[in-house]
């Protein structure tokens, strides 16, 4: 519950800030992708300024997430290997327990008390 409250206390001000930013920067801006002829560009993009800001934010989040995911690959591999080892050890322990239980039951049957006999 506390985590949810902290998330809401963070998300609402961030959303209000982004909406204010979008309203304040809604004029159109031209992004020129032709460095050789900026006066008559072959490739250009006209969007509201907040579109470029949100696009840069989105690209930053995606690149940061990809970099984090790639840098943690070693730990994911280690976790996979250790999970396999744990499953093998668990299988071995289960097999040994079954063998022990079978051996105990055969010994118990072999050592069962003899039936009572009448001395008549």
N, C-alpha and C. Protein backbone atom coordinates (compact mmCIF):
# COMPACT_ATOMS: atom_id res chain seq x y z
N UNK A 1 0.83 -1.19 0.00
CA UNK A 1 0.00 0.00 0.00
C UNK A 1 0.88 1.26 0.00
N UNK A 2 1.93 1.24 0.80
CA UNK A 2 2.83 2.39 0.87
C UNK A 2 3.52 2.61 -0.48
N UNK A 3 3.88 1.52 -1.13
CA UNK A 3 4.52 1.63 -2.44
C UNK A 3 3.59 2.30 -3.44
N UNK A 4 2.32 1.94 -3.39
CA UNK A 4 1.32 2.52 -4.29
C UNK A 4 1.17 4.03 -4.02
N UNK A 5 1.15 4.41 -2.76
CA UNK A 5 1.00 5.82 -2.40
C UNK A 5 2.22 6.61 -2.88
N UNK A 6 3.41 6.06 -2.67
CA UNK A 6 4.62 6.75 -3.14
C UNK A 6 4.64 6.87 -4.65
N UNK A 7 4.18 5.84 -5.34
CA UNK A 7 4.11 5.90 -6.80
C UNK A 7 3.16 7.01 -7.24
N UNK A 8 2.00 7.09 -6.61
CA UNK A 8 1.03 8.14 -6.97
C UNK A 8 1.57 9.54 -6.64
N UNK A 9 2.27 9.66 -5.51
CA UNK A 9 2.83 10.96 -5.15
C UNK A 9 3.94 11.39 -6.11
N UNK A 10 4.54 10.44 -6.78
CA UNK A 10 5.56 10.76 -7.78
C UNK A 10 4.95 10.95 -9.16
N UNK A 11 3.99 10.11 -9.52
CA UNK A 11 3.43 10.12 -10.86
C UNK A 11 2.58 11.37 -11.14
N UNK A 12 1.77 11.78 -10.20
CA UNK A 12 0.89 12.93 -10.45
C UNK A 12 1.66 14.23 -10.68
N UNK A 13 2.65 14.56 -9.86
CA UNK A 13 3.43 15.77 -10.17
C UNK A 13 4.20 15.66 -11.49
N UNK A 14 4.70 14.48 -11.79
CA UNK A 14 5.42 14.29 -13.06
C UNK A 14 4.46 14.49 -14.23
N UNK A 15 3.25 13.94 -14.13
CA UNK A 15 2.27 14.11 -15.20
C UNK A 15 1.88 15.58 -15.34
N UNK A 16 1.68 16.26 -14.22
CA UNK A 16 1.33 17.68 -14.27
C UNK A 16 2.46 18.49 -14.91
N UNK A 17 3.69 18.15 -14.59
CA UNK A 17 4.83 18.84 -15.18
C UNK A 17 4.90 18.60 -16.69
N UNK A 18 4.68 17.36 -17.12
CA UNK A 18 4.71 17.05 -18.56
C UNK A 18 3.58 17.74 -19.31
N UNK A 19 2.40 17.79 -18.73
CA UNK A 19 1.27 18.46 -19.38
C UNK A 19 1.54 19.97 -19.48
N UNK A 20 2.08 20.55 -18.43
CA UNK A 20 2.43 21.97 -18.46
C UNK A 20 3.49 22.24 -19.52
N UNK A 21 4.48 21.36 -19.61
CA UNK A 21 5.52 21.49 -20.61
C UNK A 21 4.93 21.41 -22.02
N UNK A 22 4.00 20.50 -22.23
CA UNK A 22 3.39 20.35 -23.55
C UNK A 22 2.57 21.58 -23.93
N UNK A 23 1.83 22.13 -22.97
CA UNK A 23 1.01 23.31 -23.26
C UNK A 23 1.90 24.53 -23.53
N UNK A 24 2.98 24.68 -22.78
CA UNK A 24 3.85 25.83 -22.95
C UNK A 24 4.69 25.76 -24.23
N UNK A 25 4.91 24.56 -24.75
CA UNK A 25 5.77 24.39 -25.93
C UNK A 25 5.02 23.75 -27.09
N UNK A 26 3.84 24.27 -27.38
CA UNK A 26 3.04 23.65 -28.44
C UNK A 26 3.26 24.28 -29.82
N UNK A 27 4.15 25.24 -29.94
CA UNK A 27 4.43 25.84 -31.24
C UNK A 27 5.26 24.86 -32.08
N UNK A 28 5.11 24.95 -33.38
CA UNK A 28 5.78 24.04 -34.29
C UNK A 28 7.26 24.39 -34.45
N UNK A 29 8.05 23.35 -34.56
CA UNK A 29 9.49 23.49 -34.73
C UNK A 29 9.90 22.55 -35.85
N UNK A 30 10.85 23.01 -36.66
CA UNK A 30 11.32 22.18 -37.78
C UNK A 30 12.66 21.57 -37.41
N UNK A 31 12.75 20.26 -37.48
CA UNK A 31 13.99 19.54 -37.26
C UNK A 31 14.57 19.22 -38.63
N UNK A 32 15.72 19.77 -38.93
CA UNK A 32 16.37 19.58 -40.23
C UNK A 32 17.41 18.47 -40.10
N UNK A 33 17.26 17.44 -40.92
CA UNK A 33 18.19 16.31 -40.90
C UNK A 33 19.13 16.31 -42.10
N UNK A 34 19.25 17.43 -42.75
CA UNK A 34 20.14 17.56 -43.91
C UNK A 34 21.21 18.59 -43.56
N UNK A 35 22.40 18.15 -43.14
CA UNK A 35 23.41 19.11 -42.69
C UNK A 35 24.06 19.89 -43.83
N UNK A 36 23.88 19.47 -45.08
CA UNK A 36 24.58 20.12 -46.18
C UNK A 36 23.78 21.28 -46.78
N UNK A 37 22.46 21.21 -46.72
CA UNK A 37 21.63 22.31 -47.25
C UNK A 37 20.52 22.62 -46.25
N UNK A 38 20.83 23.30 -45.16
CA UNK A 38 19.80 23.58 -44.16
C UNK A 38 18.73 24.56 -44.64
N UNK A 39 19.04 25.38 -45.66
CA UNK A 39 18.04 26.34 -46.14
C UNK A 39 16.97 25.66 -46.99
N UNK A 40 17.32 24.57 -47.67
CA UNK A 40 16.35 23.80 -48.47
C UNK A 40 16.58 22.32 -48.18
N UNK A 41 16.16 21.86 -47.00
CA UNK A 41 16.48 20.49 -46.59
C UNK A 41 15.69 19.45 -47.39
N UNK A 42 16.34 18.35 -47.62
CA UNK A 42 15.68 17.22 -48.27
C UNK A 42 14.88 16.45 -47.22
N UNK A 43 15.45 16.33 -46.04
CA UNK A 43 14.80 15.61 -44.95
C UNK A 43 14.60 16.57 -43.79
N UNK A 44 13.34 16.80 -43.45
CA UNK A 44 13.03 17.62 -42.28
C UNK A 44 11.73 17.13 -41.67
N UNK A 45 11.53 17.49 -40.43
CA UNK A 45 10.36 17.04 -39.68
C UNK A 45 9.82 18.22 -38.90
N UNK A 46 8.53 18.49 -39.07
CA UNK A 46 7.89 19.60 -38.37
C UNK A 46 6.91 19.00 -37.36
N UNK A 47 7.16 19.26 -36.09
CA UNK A 47 6.32 18.79 -34.98
C UNK A 47 6.25 19.87 -33.93
N UNK A 48 5.27 19.79 -33.03
CA UNK A 48 5.31 20.68 -31.87
C UNK A 48 6.57 20.38 -31.05
N UNK A 49 7.08 21.39 -30.37
CA UNK A 49 8.33 21.23 -29.64
C UNK A 49 8.24 20.13 -28.59
N UNK A 50 7.07 20.01 -27.91
CA UNK A 50 6.94 18.98 -26.90
C UNK A 50 7.01 17.58 -27.51
N UNK A 51 6.69 17.44 -28.78
CA UNK A 51 6.82 16.14 -29.46
C UNK A 51 8.28 15.71 -29.52
N UNK A 52 9.15 16.67 -29.81
CA UNK A 52 10.59 16.36 -29.82
C UNK A 52 11.08 16.05 -28.40
N UNK A 53 10.59 16.80 -27.42
CA UNK A 53 11.00 16.54 -26.04
C UNK A 53 10.56 15.16 -25.58
N UNK A 54 9.30 14.82 -25.83
CA UNK A 54 8.79 13.49 -25.44
C UNK A 54 9.49 12.39 -26.21
N UNK A 55 9.78 12.65 -27.48
CA UNK A 55 10.51 11.66 -28.29
C UNK A 55 11.91 11.41 -27.73
N UNK A 56 12.59 12.49 -27.36
CA UNK A 56 13.93 12.34 -26.77
C UNK A 56 13.86 11.60 -25.43
N UNK A 57 12.83 11.90 -24.65
CA UNK A 57 12.64 11.20 -23.38
C UNK A 57 12.39 9.71 -23.61
N UNK A 58 11.54 9.40 -24.57
CA UNK A 58 11.23 7.99 -24.89
C UNK A 58 12.47 7.25 -25.39
N UNK A 59 13.22 7.89 -26.27
CA UNK A 59 14.45 7.26 -26.79
C UNK A 59 15.45 7.04 -25.65
N UNK A 60 15.56 8.00 -24.75
CA UNK A 60 16.47 7.85 -23.60
C UNK A 60 16.06 6.70 -22.69
N UNK A 61 14.77 6.58 -22.44
CA UNK A 61 14.29 5.48 -21.60
C UNK A 61 14.55 4.14 -22.27
N UNK A 62 14.28 4.05 -23.56
CA UNK A 62 14.50 2.79 -24.28
C UNK A 62 15.99 2.43 -24.33
N UNK A 63 16.84 3.39 -24.63
CA UNK A 63 18.28 3.12 -24.68
C UNK A 63 18.82 2.76 -23.29
N UNK A 64 18.36 3.43 -22.27
CA UNK A 64 18.79 3.11 -20.90
C UNK A 64 18.33 1.72 -20.48
N UNK A 65 17.10 1.36 -20.83
CA UNK A 65 16.61 0.02 -20.51
C UNK A 65 17.38 -1.05 -21.26
N UNK A 66 17.68 -0.80 -22.53
CA UNK A 66 18.44 -1.78 -23.32
C UNK A 66 19.85 -1.92 -22.76
N UNK A 67 20.49 -0.81 -22.39
CA UNK A 67 21.84 -0.88 -21.83
C UNK A 67 21.85 -1.64 -20.50
N UNK A 68 20.86 -1.40 -19.67
CA UNK A 68 20.76 -2.11 -18.40
C UNK A 68 20.54 -3.59 -18.63
N UNK A 69 19.65 -3.93 -19.55
CA UNK A 69 19.34 -5.33 -19.84
C UNK A 69 20.58 -6.04 -20.37
N UNK A 70 21.32 -5.39 -21.27
CA UNK A 70 22.53 -6.00 -21.81
C UNK A 70 23.62 -6.16 -20.75
N UNK A 71 23.75 -5.18 -19.87
CA UNK A 71 24.80 -5.27 -18.85
C UNK A 71 24.48 -6.32 -17.79
N UNK A 72 23.23 -6.70 -17.63
CA UNK A 72 22.85 -7.70 -16.65
C UNK A 72 22.80 -9.12 -17.23
N UNK A 73 23.23 -9.28 -18.47
CA UNK A 73 23.20 -10.60 -19.10
C UNK A 73 24.03 -11.62 -18.36
N UNK A 74 25.17 -11.20 -17.84
CA UNK A 74 26.05 -12.12 -17.10
C UNK A 74 25.32 -12.69 -15.89
N UNK A 75 24.56 -11.83 -15.18
CA UNK A 75 23.87 -12.28 -13.98
C UNK A 75 22.69 -13.18 -14.32
N UNK A 76 22.01 -12.90 -15.44
CA UNK A 76 20.92 -13.78 -15.86
C UNK A 76 21.45 -15.16 -16.22
N UNK A 77 22.61 -15.20 -16.89
CA UNK A 77 23.23 -16.49 -17.25
C UNK A 77 23.62 -17.25 -15.99
N UNK A 78 24.22 -16.56 -15.02
CA UNK A 78 24.59 -17.21 -13.76
C UNK A 78 23.36 -17.76 -13.06
N UNK A 79 22.28 -17.02 -13.06
CA UNK A 79 21.04 -17.48 -12.43
C UNK A 79 20.51 -18.73 -13.14
N UNK A 80 20.58 -18.75 -14.48
CA UNK A 80 20.12 -19.94 -15.22
C UNK A 80 20.96 -21.16 -14.88
N UNK A 81 22.28 -20.97 -14.84
CA UNK A 81 23.18 -22.09 -14.53
C UNK A 81 22.92 -22.61 -13.12
N UNK A 82 22.79 -21.71 -12.19
CA UNK A 82 22.59 -22.13 -10.79
C UNK A 82 21.21 -22.74 -10.59
N UNK A 83 20.23 -22.30 -11.35
CA UNK A 83 18.91 -22.92 -11.26
C UNK A 83 18.99 -24.37 -11.75
N UNK A 84 19.72 -24.59 -12.84
CA UNK A 84 19.91 -25.96 -13.34
C UNK A 84 20.64 -26.83 -12.32
N UNK A 85 21.67 -26.27 -11.69
CA UNK A 85 22.40 -27.02 -10.66
C UNK A 85 21.49 -27.35 -9.48
N UNK A 86 20.68 -26.40 -9.06
CA UNK A 86 19.77 -26.63 -7.94
C UNK A 86 18.76 -27.72 -8.28
N UNK A 87 18.26 -27.72 -9.52
CA UNK A 87 17.32 -28.77 -9.92
C UNK A 87 18.00 -30.13 -9.93
N UNK A 88 19.26 -30.19 -10.40
CA UNK A 88 20.00 -31.47 -10.40
C UNK A 88 20.21 -31.96 -8.98
N UNK A 89 20.62 -31.06 -8.07
CA UNK A 89 20.83 -31.46 -6.68
C UNK A 89 19.52 -31.91 -6.04
N UNK A 90 18.43 -31.24 -6.36
CA UNK A 90 17.13 -31.62 -5.79
C UNK A 90 16.71 -33.00 -6.31
N UNK A 91 16.95 -33.25 -7.60
CA UNK A 91 16.64 -34.56 -8.17
C UNK A 91 17.47 -35.65 -7.49
N UNK A 92 18.75 -35.36 -7.27
CA UNK A 92 19.63 -36.33 -6.60
C UNK A 92 19.17 -36.59 -5.18
N UNK A 93 18.79 -35.54 -4.46
CA UNK A 93 18.30 -35.70 -3.09
C UNK A 93 17.01 -36.52 -3.06
N UNK A 94 16.11 -36.27 -4.00
CA UNK A 94 14.86 -37.04 -4.07
C UNK A 94 15.15 -38.52 -4.36
N UNK A 95 16.09 -38.77 -5.27
CA UNK A 95 16.44 -40.16 -5.60
C UNK A 95 17.04 -40.87 -4.39
N UNK A 96 17.93 -40.20 -3.68
CA UNK A 96 18.54 -40.81 -2.49
C UNK A 96 17.51 -41.05 -1.39
N UNK A 97 16.56 -40.14 -1.24
CA UNK A 97 15.50 -40.34 -0.25
C UNK A 97 14.64 -41.55 -0.60
N UNK A 98 14.32 -41.69 -1.90
CA UNK A 98 13.52 -42.85 -2.31
C UNK A 98 14.29 -44.14 -2.05
N UNK A 99 15.59 -44.14 -2.37
CA UNK A 99 16.40 -45.34 -2.13
C UNK A 99 16.47 -45.66 -0.64
N UNK A 100 16.66 -44.64 0.18
CA UNK A 100 16.71 -44.85 1.63
C UNK A 100 15.39 -45.39 2.16
N UNK A 101 14.28 -44.81 1.70
CA UNK A 101 12.97 -45.27 2.15
C UNK A 101 12.72 -46.71 1.73
N UNK A 102 13.14 -47.05 0.51
CA UNK A 102 12.96 -48.43 0.05
C UNK A 102 13.81 -49.38 0.88
N UNK A 103 15.04 -48.99 1.20
CA UNK A 103 15.93 -49.84 2.00
C UNK A 103 15.39 -50.00 3.41
N UNK A 104 14.88 -48.94 4.00
CA UNK A 104 14.32 -49.01 5.34
C UNK A 104 13.09 -49.90 5.36
N UNK A 105 12.25 -49.81 4.34
CA UNK A 105 11.05 -50.64 4.32
C UNK A 105 11.39 -52.12 4.14
N UNK A 106 12.43 -52.43 3.32
CA UNK A 106 12.82 -53.85 3.18
C UNK A 106 13.43 -54.36 4.47
N UNK A 107 14.22 -53.56 5.17
CA UNK A 107 14.79 -53.99 6.46
C UNK A 107 13.69 -54.17 7.49
N UNK A 108 12.71 -53.29 7.47
CA UNK A 108 11.62 -53.40 8.43
C UNK A 108 10.84 -54.67 8.19
N UNK A 109 10.60 -55.00 6.94
CA UNK A 109 9.88 -56.24 6.64
C UNK A 109 10.72 -57.46 7.03
N UNK A 110 12.02 -57.39 6.82
CA UNK A 110 12.89 -58.53 7.16
C UNK A 110 13.01 -58.70 8.67
N UNK A 111 12.96 -57.62 9.40
CA UNK A 111 13.10 -57.69 10.86
C UNK A 111 11.76 -57.74 11.58
N UNK A 112 10.69 -57.97 10.85
CA UNK A 112 9.37 -58.00 11.46
C UNK A 112 9.34 -59.09 12.52
N UNK A 113 8.63 -58.83 13.59
CA UNK A 113 8.54 -59.80 14.68
C UNK A 113 7.86 -61.07 14.18
N UNK A 114 8.37 -62.22 14.60
CA UNK A 114 7.74 -63.47 14.18
C UNK A 114 6.35 -63.59 14.77
N UNK A 115 5.54 -64.36 14.10
CA UNK A 115 4.17 -64.56 14.60
C UNK A 115 4.22 -65.35 15.89
N UNK A 116 3.26 -65.10 16.76
CA UNK A 116 3.19 -65.83 18.03
C UNK A 116 2.72 -67.26 17.74
N UNK A 117 3.40 -68.20 18.35
CA UNK A 117 3.03 -69.61 18.17
C UNK A 117 2.59 -70.16 19.52
N UNK A 118 1.65 -71.02 19.43
CA UNK A 118 1.20 -71.72 20.64
C UNK A 118 2.12 -72.90 20.88
N UNK A 119 2.46 -73.14 22.10
CA UNK A 119 3.35 -74.24 22.44
C UNK A 119 2.56 -75.52 22.66
N UNK A 120 1.55 -75.70 22.03
CA UNK A 120 0.72 -76.87 22.25
C UNK A 120 1.07 -78.01 21.42
